[in-house]
């Protein structure tokens, strides 16, 4: 268009000077339009590249989300299995707990019985000490009786009978 305007301005000569100015402006606008078109083309290419990169990133993201969903599904399934196994173990734990309670009660009963035996042993030991003291006193009394009997003169057979009888008494008292 600027070329046509320049040709017409040349033909008109002096009268075409105004037309020449218009032709120059058209050429300048055409040059600016060409530069702007190149800039727009570069911007469009950059946008296309960015959109392509964005699409690829979205594809990657979608793939990762899909994997994550699969992982969550697997984890959920595994957690379900774990929960089932724990629920299966619950009756066993209860049985073990009841067994341990029974053993604890048995241990308490044994401990109580041992305490009772210990108490009875202490009482038996005290009774045995008292019996030993009584036997010692009876031995002293028997010894005193022997000494008293020896002061009296009895016939040998009577004396022997008293000695045998007192020895039997003392022997039965000694433990």
N, C-alpha and C. Protein backbone atom coordinates (compact mmCIF):
# COMPACT_ATOMS: atom_id res chain seq x y z
N UNK A 1 0.81 -1.17 0.00
CA UNK A 1 0.00 0.00 0.00
C UNK A 1 0.87 1.25 0.00
N UNK A 2 1.93 1.24 0.82
CA UNK A 2 2.82 2.41 0.83
C UNK A 2 3.52 2.57 -0.50
N UNK A 3 3.80 1.43 -1.16
CA UNK A 3 4.44 1.49 -2.47
C UNK A 3 3.50 2.13 -3.49
N UNK A 4 2.25 1.77 -3.47
CA UNK A 4 1.26 2.39 -4.38
C UNK A 4 1.15 3.88 -4.10
N UNK A 5 1.13 4.26 -2.84
CA UNK A 5 1.02 5.68 -2.49
C UNK A 5 2.25 6.43 -2.97
N UNK A 6 3.43 5.83 -2.87
CA UNK A 6 4.66 6.49 -3.32
C UNK A 6 4.65 6.66 -4.82
N UNK A 7 4.17 5.65 -5.55
CA UNK A 7 4.12 5.74 -7.02
C UNK A 7 3.15 6.84 -7.43
N UNK A 8 2.01 6.91 -6.82
CA UNK A 8 1.02 7.94 -7.16
C UNK A 8 1.55 9.32 -6.83
N UNK A 9 2.28 9.44 -5.73
CA UNK A 9 2.85 10.74 -5.35
C UNK A 9 3.89 11.16 -6.36
N UNK A 10 4.64 10.26 -6.92
CA UNK A 10 5.65 10.54 -7.92
C UNK A 10 4.98 11.00 -9.21
N UNK A 11 3.93 10.39 -9.57
CA UNK A 11 3.21 10.75 -10.79
C UNK A 11 2.63 12.15 -10.65
N UNK A 12 2.15 12.49 -9.51
CA UNK A 12 1.49 13.78 -9.33
C UNK A 12 2.50 14.90 -9.27
N UNK A 13 3.71 14.58 -9.02
CA UNK A 13 4.75 15.60 -8.98
C UNK A 13 4.61 16.46 -7.76
N UNK A 14 4.58 17.76 -8.04
CA UNK A 14 4.53 18.74 -6.98
C UNK A 14 3.21 18.64 -6.23
N UNK A 15 2.18 18.27 -6.91
CA UNK A 15 0.87 18.16 -6.27
C UNK A 15 0.78 16.89 -5.43
N UNK A 16 1.67 16.03 -5.57
CA UNK A 16 1.62 14.77 -4.83
C UNK A 16 2.49 14.77 -3.59
N UNK A 17 3.03 15.94 -3.18
CA UNK A 17 3.89 15.99 -1.99
C UNK A 17 3.11 15.53 -0.74
N UNK A 18 1.89 15.92 -0.58
CA UNK A 18 1.09 15.52 0.58
C UNK A 18 0.86 14.00 0.56
N UNK A 19 0.73 13.52 -0.69
CA UNK A 19 0.55 12.09 -0.83
C UNK A 19 1.83 11.36 -0.41
N UNK A 20 3.00 11.97 -0.65
CA UNK A 20 4.30 11.38 -0.28
C UNK A 20 4.41 11.26 1.24
N UNK A 21 3.90 12.28 1.96
CA UNK A 21 3.95 12.25 3.43
C UNK A 21 3.09 11.09 3.93
N UNK A 22 1.92 10.94 3.30
CA UNK A 22 1.02 9.85 3.70
C UNK A 22 1.70 8.51 3.41
N UNK A 23 2.38 8.43 2.24
CA UNK A 23 3.06 7.19 1.88
C UNK A 23 4.15 6.86 2.89
N UNK A 24 4.91 7.86 3.36
CA UNK A 24 5.96 7.63 4.37
C UNK A 24 5.34 7.13 5.67
N UNK A 25 4.24 7.74 6.08
CA UNK A 25 3.59 7.34 7.33
C UNK A 25 3.06 5.91 7.22
N UNK A 26 2.52 5.60 6.04
CA UNK A 26 2.03 4.24 5.84
C UNK A 26 3.19 3.25 5.92
N UNK A 27 4.36 3.62 5.31
CA UNK A 27 5.53 2.75 5.35
C UNK A 27 6.01 2.58 6.79
N UNK A 28 6.06 3.70 7.54
CA UNK A 28 6.50 3.63 8.94
C UNK A 28 5.54 2.75 9.74
N UNK A 29 4.25 2.92 9.56
CA UNK A 29 3.28 2.09 10.27
C UNK A 29 3.41 0.62 9.86
N UNK A 30 3.69 0.40 8.57
CA UNK A 30 3.88 -0.97 8.10
C UNK A 30 5.10 -1.60 8.76
N UNK A 31 6.19 -0.82 8.88
CA UNK A 31 7.40 -1.33 9.54
C UNK A 31 7.11 -1.64 11.01
N UNK A 32 6.41 -0.74 11.68
CA UNK A 32 6.08 -0.95 13.08
C UNK A 32 5.17 -2.18 13.24
N UNK A 33 4.25 -2.32 12.31
CA UNK A 33 3.35 -3.47 12.35
C UNK A 33 4.14 -4.76 12.16
N UNK A 34 5.13 -4.74 11.25
CA UNK A 34 5.96 -5.93 11.02
C UNK A 34 6.72 -6.28 12.29
N UNK A 35 7.31 -5.25 12.95
CA UNK A 35 8.06 -5.50 14.20
C UNK A 35 7.11 -6.02 15.27
N UNK A 36 5.93 -5.38 15.38
CA UNK A 36 4.95 -5.81 16.38
C UNK A 36 4.48 -7.24 16.10
N UNK A 37 4.33 -7.57 14.82
CA UNK A 37 3.91 -8.92 14.45
C UNK A 37 4.97 -9.93 14.88
N UNK A 38 6.24 -9.58 14.67
CA UNK A 38 7.34 -10.48 15.09
C UNK A 38 7.31 -10.64 16.61
N UNK A 39 7.12 -9.50 17.32
CA UNK A 39 7.05 -9.56 18.79
C UNK A 39 5.87 -10.42 19.25
N UNK A 40 4.73 -10.23 18.60
CA UNK A 40 3.54 -11.01 18.96
C UNK A 40 3.78 -12.48 18.67
N UNK A 41 4.45 -12.76 17.53
CA UNK A 41 4.74 -14.15 17.19
C UNK A 41 5.62 -14.79 18.26
N UNK A 42 6.65 -14.04 18.72
CA UNK A 42 7.53 -14.56 19.77
C UNK A 42 6.74 -14.77 21.07
N UNK A 43 5.86 -13.82 21.38
CA UNK A 43 5.06 -13.95 22.59
C UNK A 43 4.13 -15.17 22.50
N UNK A 44 3.56 -15.37 21.32
CA UNK A 44 2.68 -16.53 21.13
C UNK A 44 3.47 -17.81 21.29
N UNK A 45 4.71 -17.84 20.72
CA UNK A 45 5.55 -19.04 20.85
C UNK A 45 5.89 -19.29 22.32
N UNK A 46 6.23 -18.20 23.05
CA UNK A 46 6.53 -18.35 24.47
C UNK A 46 5.30 -18.87 25.23
N UNK A 47 4.13 -18.33 24.86
CA UNK A 47 2.89 -18.79 25.52
C UNK A 47 2.63 -20.25 25.21
N UNK A 48 2.86 -20.63 23.94
CA UNK A 48 2.66 -22.03 23.57
C UNK A 48 3.61 -22.93 24.34
N UNK A 49 4.88 -22.47 24.46
CA UNK A 49 5.87 -23.24 25.21
C UNK A 49 5.46 -23.35 26.68
N UNK A 50 5.01 -22.22 27.24
CA UNK A 50 4.58 -22.23 28.64
C UNK A 50 3.37 -23.13 28.83
N UNK A 51 2.41 -23.05 27.90
CA UNK A 51 1.23 -23.90 27.98
C UNK A 51 1.63 -25.36 27.86
N UNK A 52 2.55 -25.67 26.93
CA UNK A 52 3.01 -27.06 26.77
C UNK A 52 3.68 -27.54 28.05
N UNK A 53 4.54 -26.68 28.62
CA UNK A 53 5.20 -27.03 29.88
C UNK A 53 4.16 -27.24 30.98
N UNK A 54 3.17 -26.33 31.03
CA UNK A 54 2.10 -26.46 32.02
C UNK A 54 1.31 -27.74 31.86
N UNK A 55 1.02 -28.09 30.60
CA UNK A 55 0.28 -29.33 30.33
C UNK A 55 1.10 -30.53 30.78
N UNK A 56 2.43 -30.50 30.47
CA UNK A 56 3.29 -31.61 30.88
C UNK A 56 3.33 -31.71 32.40
N UNK A 57 3.45 -30.54 33.06
CA UNK A 57 3.48 -30.53 34.53
C UNK A 57 2.15 -31.03 35.09
N UNK A 58 1.05 -30.65 34.48
CA UNK A 58 -0.26 -31.12 34.93
C UNK A 58 -0.38 -32.63 34.73
N UNK A 59 0.18 -33.13 33.60
CA UNK A 59 0.17 -34.58 33.38
C UNK A 59 0.97 -35.29 34.47
N UNK A 60 2.16 -34.71 34.77
CA UNK A 60 2.99 -35.29 35.84
C UNK A 60 2.23 -35.26 37.16
N UNK A 61 1.60 -34.12 37.45
CA UNK A 61 0.85 -33.97 38.69
C UNK A 61 -0.29 -34.98 38.74
N UNK A 62 -1.00 -35.13 37.61
CA UNK A 62 -2.11 -36.09 37.56
C UNK A 62 -1.59 -37.50 37.80
N UNK A 63 -0.42 -37.82 37.21
CA UNK A 63 0.17 -39.14 37.42
C UNK A 63 0.53 -39.35 38.89
N UNK A 64 1.14 -38.32 39.49
CA UNK A 64 1.51 -38.41 40.90
C UNK A 64 0.27 -38.54 41.79
N UNK A 65 -0.77 -37.78 41.46
CA UNK A 65 -2.02 -37.88 42.23
C UNK A 65 -2.60 -39.28 42.09
N UNK A 66 -2.55 -39.82 40.87
CA UNK A 66 -3.06 -41.18 40.65
C UNK A 66 -2.28 -42.18 41.48
N UNK A 67 -0.94 -42.03 41.49
CA UNK A 67 -0.11 -42.92 42.30
C UNK A 67 -0.44 -42.76 43.78
N UNK A 68 -0.61 -41.50 44.19
CA UNK A 68 -0.93 -41.24 45.60
C UNK A 68 -2.27 -41.88 45.97
N UNK A 69 -3.23 -41.80 45.07
CA UNK A 69 -4.54 -42.42 45.32
C UNK A 69 -4.37 -43.93 45.46
N UNK A 70 -3.55 -44.53 44.59
CA UNK A 70 -3.30 -45.96 44.67
C UNK A 70 -2.61 -46.30 45.99
N UNK A 71 -1.61 -45.47 46.37
CA UNK A 71 -0.90 -45.70 47.63
C UNK A 71 -1.86 -45.61 48.81
N UNK A 72 -2.73 -44.60 48.79
CA UNK A 72 -3.70 -44.44 49.88
C UNK A 72 -4.64 -45.65 49.91
N UNK A 73 -5.04 -46.13 48.75
CA UNK A 73 -5.92 -47.31 48.70
C UNK A 73 -5.20 -48.53 49.28
N UNK A 74 -3.92 -48.70 48.91
CA UNK A 74 -3.13 -49.82 49.45
C UNK A 74 -2.98 -49.70 50.96
N UNK A 75 -2.66 -48.50 51.41
CA UNK A 75 -2.49 -48.27 52.85
C UNK A 75 -3.81 -48.54 53.58
N UNK A 76 -4.89 -48.08 53.00
CA UNK A 76 -6.21 -48.31 53.60
C UNK A 76 -6.51 -49.80 53.70
N UNK A 77 -6.18 -50.55 52.65
CA UNK A 77 -6.40 -51.99 52.66
C UNK A 77 -5.54 -52.65 53.74
N UNK A 78 -4.27 -52.24 53.83
CA UNK A 78 -3.38 -52.80 54.84
C UNK A 78 -3.86 -52.46 56.24
N UNK A 79 -4.32 -51.23 56.44
CA UNK A 79 -4.84 -50.84 57.75
C UNK A 79 -6.06 -51.69 58.10
N UNK A 80 -6.91 -51.96 57.11
CA UNK A 80 -8.07 -52.82 57.34
C UNK A 80 -7.65 -54.21 57.78
N UNK A 81 -6.61 -54.74 57.13
CA UNK A 81 -6.11 -56.07 57.50
C UNK A 81 -5.54 -56.05 58.91
N UNK A 82 -4.81 -54.99 59.24
CA UNK A 82 -4.23 -54.88 60.58
C UNK A 82 -5.34 -54.82 61.62
N UNK A 83 -6.37 -54.03 61.33
CA UNK A 83 -7.49 -53.91 62.28
C UNK A 83 -8.17 -55.27 62.46
N UNK A 84 -8.36 -56.01 61.37
CA UNK A 84 -8.96 -57.35 61.47
C UNK A 84 -8.10 -58.26 62.34
N UNK A 85 -6.78 -58.21 62.13
CA UNK A 85 -5.88 -59.06 62.92
C UNK A 85 -5.93 -58.68 64.40
N UNK A 86 -5.96 -57.37 64.67
CA UNK A 86 -6.04 -56.92 66.07
C UNK A 86 -7.36 -57.39 66.69
N UNK A 87 -8.44 -57.29 65.91
CA UNK A 87 -9.73 -57.74 66.42
C UNK A 87 -9.72 -59.25 66.66
N UNK A 88 -9.02 -60.00 65.82
CA UNK A 88 -8.90 -61.45 66.03
C UNK A 88 -8.11 -61.75 67.30
N UNK A 89 -7.14 -60.89 67.63
CA UNK A 89 -6.31 -61.12 68.81
C UNK A 89 -7.00 -60.71 70.11
N UNK A 90 -8.01 -59.87 70.04
CA UNK A 90 -8.66 -59.37 71.25
C UNK A 90 -9.16 -60.49 72.15
N UNK A 91 -9.86 -61.52 71.64
CA UNK A 91 -10.30 -62.59 72.55
C UNK A 91 -9.12 -63.32 73.20
N UNK A 92 -8.04 -63.45 72.46
CA UNK A 92 -6.86 -64.12 73.03
C UNK A 92 -6.28 -63.29 74.17
N UNK A 93 -6.20 -61.98 73.97
CA UNK A 93 -5.69 -61.12 75.04
C UNK A 93 -6.60 -61.19 76.26
N UNK A 94 -7.91 -61.25 76.02
CA UNK A 94 -8.84 -61.34 77.14
C UNK A 94 -8.64 -62.66 77.89
N UNK A 95 -8.43 -63.76 77.15
CA UNK A 95 -8.20 -65.05 77.79
C UNK A 95 -6.91 -65.02 78.60
N UNK A 96 -5.87 -64.43 78.04
CA UNK A 96 -4.59 -64.31 78.76
C UNK A 96 -4.78 -63.46 80.01
N UNK A 97 -5.52 -62.38 79.87
CA UNK A 97 -5.77 -61.50 81.01
C UNK A 97 -6.52 -62.24 82.11
N UNK A 98 -7.54 -63.02 81.73
CA UNK A 98 -8.29 -63.79 82.72
C UNK A 98 -7.39 -64.83 83.39
N UNK A 99 -6.54 -65.48 82.60
CA UNK A 99 -5.60 -66.45 83.16
C UNK A 99 -4.65 -65.80 84.15
N UNK A 100 -4.19 -64.61 83.80
CA UNK A 100 -3.27 -63.90 84.70
C UNK A 100 -3.99 -63.49 85.99
N UNK A 101 -5.26 -63.10 85.86
CA UNK A 101 -6.03 -62.75 87.06
C UNK A 101 -6.19 -63.98 87.95
N UNK A 102 -6.48 -65.13 87.34
CA UNK A 102 -6.63 -66.37 88.11
C UNK A 102 -5.32 -66.72 88.80
N UNK A 103 -4.20 -66.55 88.10
CA UNK A 103 -2.90 -66.82 88.71
C UNK A 103 -2.62 -65.86 89.85
N UNK A 104 -3.00 -64.60 89.66
CA UNK A 104 -2.80 -63.61 90.73
C UNK A 104 -3.62 -63.98 91.95
N UNK A 105 -4.86 -64.44 91.74
CA UNK A 105 -5.68 -64.86 92.87
C UNK A 105 -5.08 -66.09 93.55
N UNK A 106 -4.59 -67.02 92.74
CA UNK A 106 -3.92 -68.20 93.29
C UNK A 106 -2.70 -67.82 94.10
N UNK A 107 -1.92 -66.87 93.58
CA UNK A 107 -0.73 -66.42 94.30
C UNK A 107 -1.12 -65.75 95.61
N UNK A 108 -2.22 -65.00 95.60
CA UNK A 108 -2.70 -64.35 96.83
C UNK A 108 -3.11 -65.41 97.84
N UNK A 109 -3.82 -66.44 97.37
CA UNK A 109 -4.23 -67.52 98.28
C UNK A 109 -3.01 -68.24 98.85
N UNK A 110 -2.02 -68.49 98.00
CA UNK A 110 -0.80 -69.15 98.48
C UNK A 110 -0.10 -68.26 99.50
N UNK A 111 -0.04 -66.97 99.22
CA UNK A 111 0.59 -66.03 100.15
C UNK A 111 -0.15 -66.02 101.48
N UNK A 112 -1.49 -66.01 101.42
CA UNK A 112 -2.27 -66.05 102.66
C UNK A 112 -2.01 -67.33 103.44
N UNK A 113 -1.96 -68.47 102.72
CA UNK A 113 -1.70 -69.75 103.37
C UNK A 113 -0.31 -69.76 103.99
N UNK A 114 0.67 -69.20 103.29
CA UNK A 114 2.04 -69.13 103.84
C UNK A 114 2.07 -68.26 105.09
N UNK A 115 1.32 -67.16 105.07
CA UNK A 115 1.26 -66.29 106.25
C UNK A 115 0.64 -67.05 107.42
N UNK A 116 -0.42 -67.80 107.14
CA UNK A 116 -1.08 -68.59 108.18
C UNK A 116 -0.12 -69.64 108.73
N UNK A 117 0.60 -70.33 107.82
CA UNK A 117 1.59 -71.32 108.25
C UNK A 117 2.67 -70.69 109.10
N UNK A 118 3.12 -69.51 108.69
CA UNK A 118 4.15 -68.81 109.45
C UNK A 118 3.64 -68.46 110.84
N UNK A 119 2.39 -67.98 110.90
CA UNK A 119 1.79 -67.63 112.19
C UNK A 119 1.66 -68.88 113.06
N UNK A 120 1.20 -69.98 112.43
CA UNK A 120 1.07 -71.24 113.18
C UNK A 120 2.44 -71.74 113.65
N UNK A 121 3.46 -71.57 112.83
CA UNK A 121 4.82 -71.98 113.21
C UNK A 121 5.30 -71.19 114.41
N UNK A 122 5.02 -69.90 114.41
CA UNK A 122 5.42 -69.06 115.55
C UNK A 122 4.70 -69.53 116.81
N UNK A 123 3.40 -69.82 116.68
CA UNK A 123 2.64 -70.29 117.84
C UNK A 123 3.16 -71.65 118.31
N UNK A 124 3.46 -72.54 117.35
CA UNK A 124 3.98 -73.86 117.70
C UNK A 124 5.33 -73.73 118.40
N UNK A 125 6.19 -72.84 117.88
CA UNK A 125 7.50 -72.64 118.52
C UNK A 125 7.33 -72.11 119.94
N UNK A 126 6.38 -71.19 120.13
CA UNK A 126 6.14 -70.65 121.48
C UNK A 126 5.63 -71.76 122.40
N UNK A 127 4.72 -72.60 121.87
CA UNK A 127 4.19 -73.71 122.68
C UNK A 127 5.31 -74.68 123.03
N UNK A 128 6.19 -74.98 122.07
CA UNK A 128 7.31 -75.89 122.34
C UNK A 128 8.25 -75.31 123.39
N UNK A 129 8.47 -74.01 123.37
CA UNK A 129 9.32 -73.38 124.40
C UNK A 129 8.68 -73.55 125.78
N UNK A 130 7.36 -73.34 125.83
CA UNK A 130 6.66 -73.50 127.11
C UNK A 130 6.75 -74.94 127.59
N UNK A 131 6.56 -75.90 126.65
CA UNK A 131 6.65 -77.32 127.01
C UNK A 131 8.05 -77.65 127.50
N UNK A 132 9.07 -77.14 126.80
CA UNK A 132 10.47 -77.39 127.23
C UNK A 132 10.72 -76.82 128.61
N UNK A 133 10.16 -75.63 128.88
CA UNK A 133 10.33 -75.04 130.22
C UNK A 133 9.63 -75.91 131.27
N UNK A 134 8.43 -76.40 130.93
CA UNK A 134 7.70 -77.26 131.88
C UNK A 134 8.47 -78.56 132.12
N UNK A 135 9.04 -79.14 131.04
CA UNK A 135 9.82 -80.38 131.18
C UNK A 135 11.05 -80.12 132.04
N UNK A 136 11.68 -78.97 131.81
CA UNK A 136 12.87 -78.65 132.62
C UNK A 136 12.47 -78.53 134.09
N UNK A 137 11.33 -77.90 134.34
CA UNK A 137 10.87 -77.77 135.74
C UNK A 137 10.56 -79.15 136.32
N UNK A 138 9.89 -80.01 135.52
CA UNK A 138 9.57 -81.36 136.00
C UNK A 138 10.85 -82.16 136.26
N UNK A 139 11.84 -81.98 135.39
CA UNK A 139 13.13 -82.66 135.61
C UNK A 139 13.76 -82.21 136.93
N UNK A 140 13.67 -80.91 137.19
CA UNK A 140 14.22 -80.40 138.45
C UNK A 140 13.44 -80.99 139.64
N UNK A 141 12.12 -81.05 139.46
CA UNK A 141 11.30 -81.62 140.54
C UNK A 141 11.65 -83.10 140.73
N UNK A 142 11.79 -83.85 139.63
CA UNK A 142 12.13 -85.26 139.72
C UNK A 142 13.50 -85.43 140.37
N UNK A 143 14.43 -84.56 140.02
CA UNK A 143 15.77 -84.63 140.62
C UNK A 143 15.67 -84.38 142.12
N UNK A 144 14.82 -83.40 142.45
CA UNK A 144 14.63 -83.10 143.88
C UNK A 144 14.00 -84.28 144.59
N UNK A 145 13.04 -84.96 143.95
CA UNK A 145 12.41 -86.13 144.55
C UNK A 145 13.43 -87.24 144.74
N UNK A 146 14.29 -87.44 143.79
CA UNK A 146 15.33 -88.47 143.92
C UNK A 146 16.22 -88.18 145.11
N UNK A 147 16.56 -86.92 145.20
CA UNK A 147 17.43 -86.55 146.34
C UNK A 147 16.69 -86.78 147.67
N UNK A 148 15.42 -86.44 147.69
CA UNK A 148 14.63 -86.64 148.91
C UNK A 148 14.49 -88.13 149.20
N UNK A 149 14.28 -88.93 148.18
CA UNK A 149 14.12 -90.36 148.37
C UNK A 149 15.42 -91.00 148.84
N UNK A 150 16.48 -90.46 148.41
CA UNK A 150 17.76 -91.05 148.83
C UNK A 150 18.01 -90.82 150.32
N UNK A 151 17.36 -89.89 150.91
CA UNK A 151 17.52 -89.65 152.34
C UNK A 151 16.80 -90.72 153.15
N UNK A 152 15.77 -91.27 152.57
CA UNK A 152 15.03 -92.32 153.28
C UNK A 152 15.64 -93.67 152.96
N UNK A 153 15.66 -94.52 153.95
CA UNK A 153 16.18 -95.87 153.75
C UNK A 153 15.02 -96.79 153.49
N UNK A 154 15.00 -97.35 152.31
CA UNK A 154 13.96 -98.30 151.96
C UNK A 154 14.63 -99.62 151.64
N UNK A 155 13.82 -100.61 151.57
CA UNK A 155 14.41 -101.88 151.19
C UNK A 155 14.87 -101.77 149.75
N UNK A 156 15.81 -102.60 149.39
CA UNK A 156 16.40 -102.52 148.06
C UNK A 156 15.36 -102.70 146.97
N UNK A 157 14.46 -103.61 147.13
CA UNK A 157 13.48 -103.84 146.08
C UNK A 157 12.52 -102.67 145.98
N UNK A 158 12.08 -102.10 147.08
CA UNK A 158 11.19 -100.94 147.07
C UNK A 158 11.91 -99.74 146.49
N UNK A 159 13.15 -99.59 146.92
CA UNK A 159 13.95 -98.46 146.42
C UNK A 159 14.14 -98.58 144.91
N UNK A 160 14.40 -99.79 144.46
CA UNK A 160 14.60 -100.00 143.03
C UNK A 160 13.31 -99.72 142.27
N UNK A 161 12.17 -100.07 142.84
CA UNK A 161 10.89 -99.80 142.20
C UNK A 161 10.67 -98.30 142.05
N UNK A 162 10.95 -97.53 143.12
CA UNK A 162 10.79 -96.07 143.06
C UNK A 162 11.74 -95.45 142.04
N UNK A 163 12.96 -95.95 142.00
CA UNK A 163 13.95 -95.42 141.05
C UNK A 163 13.50 -95.71 139.63
N UNK A 164 13.06 -96.97 139.38
CA UNK A 164 12.60 -97.32 138.03
C UNK A 164 11.39 -96.47 137.63
N UNK A 165 10.48 -96.35 138.59
CA UNK A 165 9.27 -95.57 138.29
C UNK A 165 9.62 -94.10 138.01
N UNK A 166 10.48 -93.51 138.81
CA UNK A 166 10.85 -92.10 138.60
C UNK A 166 11.65 -91.95 137.32
N UNK A 167 12.49 -92.92 136.97
CA UNK A 167 13.23 -92.86 135.70
C UNK A 167 12.26 -92.93 134.51
N UNK A 168 11.24 -93.79 134.64
CA UNK A 168 10.24 -93.86 133.57
C UNK A 168 9.51 -92.53 133.43
N UNK A 169 9.16 -91.93 134.55
CA UNK A 169 8.48 -90.63 134.51
C UNK A 169 9.37 -89.58 133.86
N UNK A 170 10.60 -89.51 134.28
CA UNK A 170 11.53 -88.52 133.73
C UNK A 170 11.78 -88.81 132.26
N UNK A 171 11.93 -90.07 131.90
CA UNK A 171 12.17 -90.45 130.50
C UNK A 171 10.99 -90.09 129.61
N UNK A 172 9.79 -90.25 130.12
CA UNK A 172 8.62 -89.91 129.30
C UNK A 172 8.46 -88.41 129.15
N UNK A 173 9.00 -87.64 130.09
CA UNK A 173 8.90 -86.19 130.01
C UNK A 173 9.97 -85.58 129.13
N UNK A 174 11.09 -86.21 128.98
CA UNK A 174 12.17 -85.67 128.15
C UNK A 174 11.85 -85.91 126.68
N UNK A 175 12.07 -84.90 125.90
CA UNK A 175 11.81 -85.02 124.47
C UNK A 175 13.09 -85.00 123.70
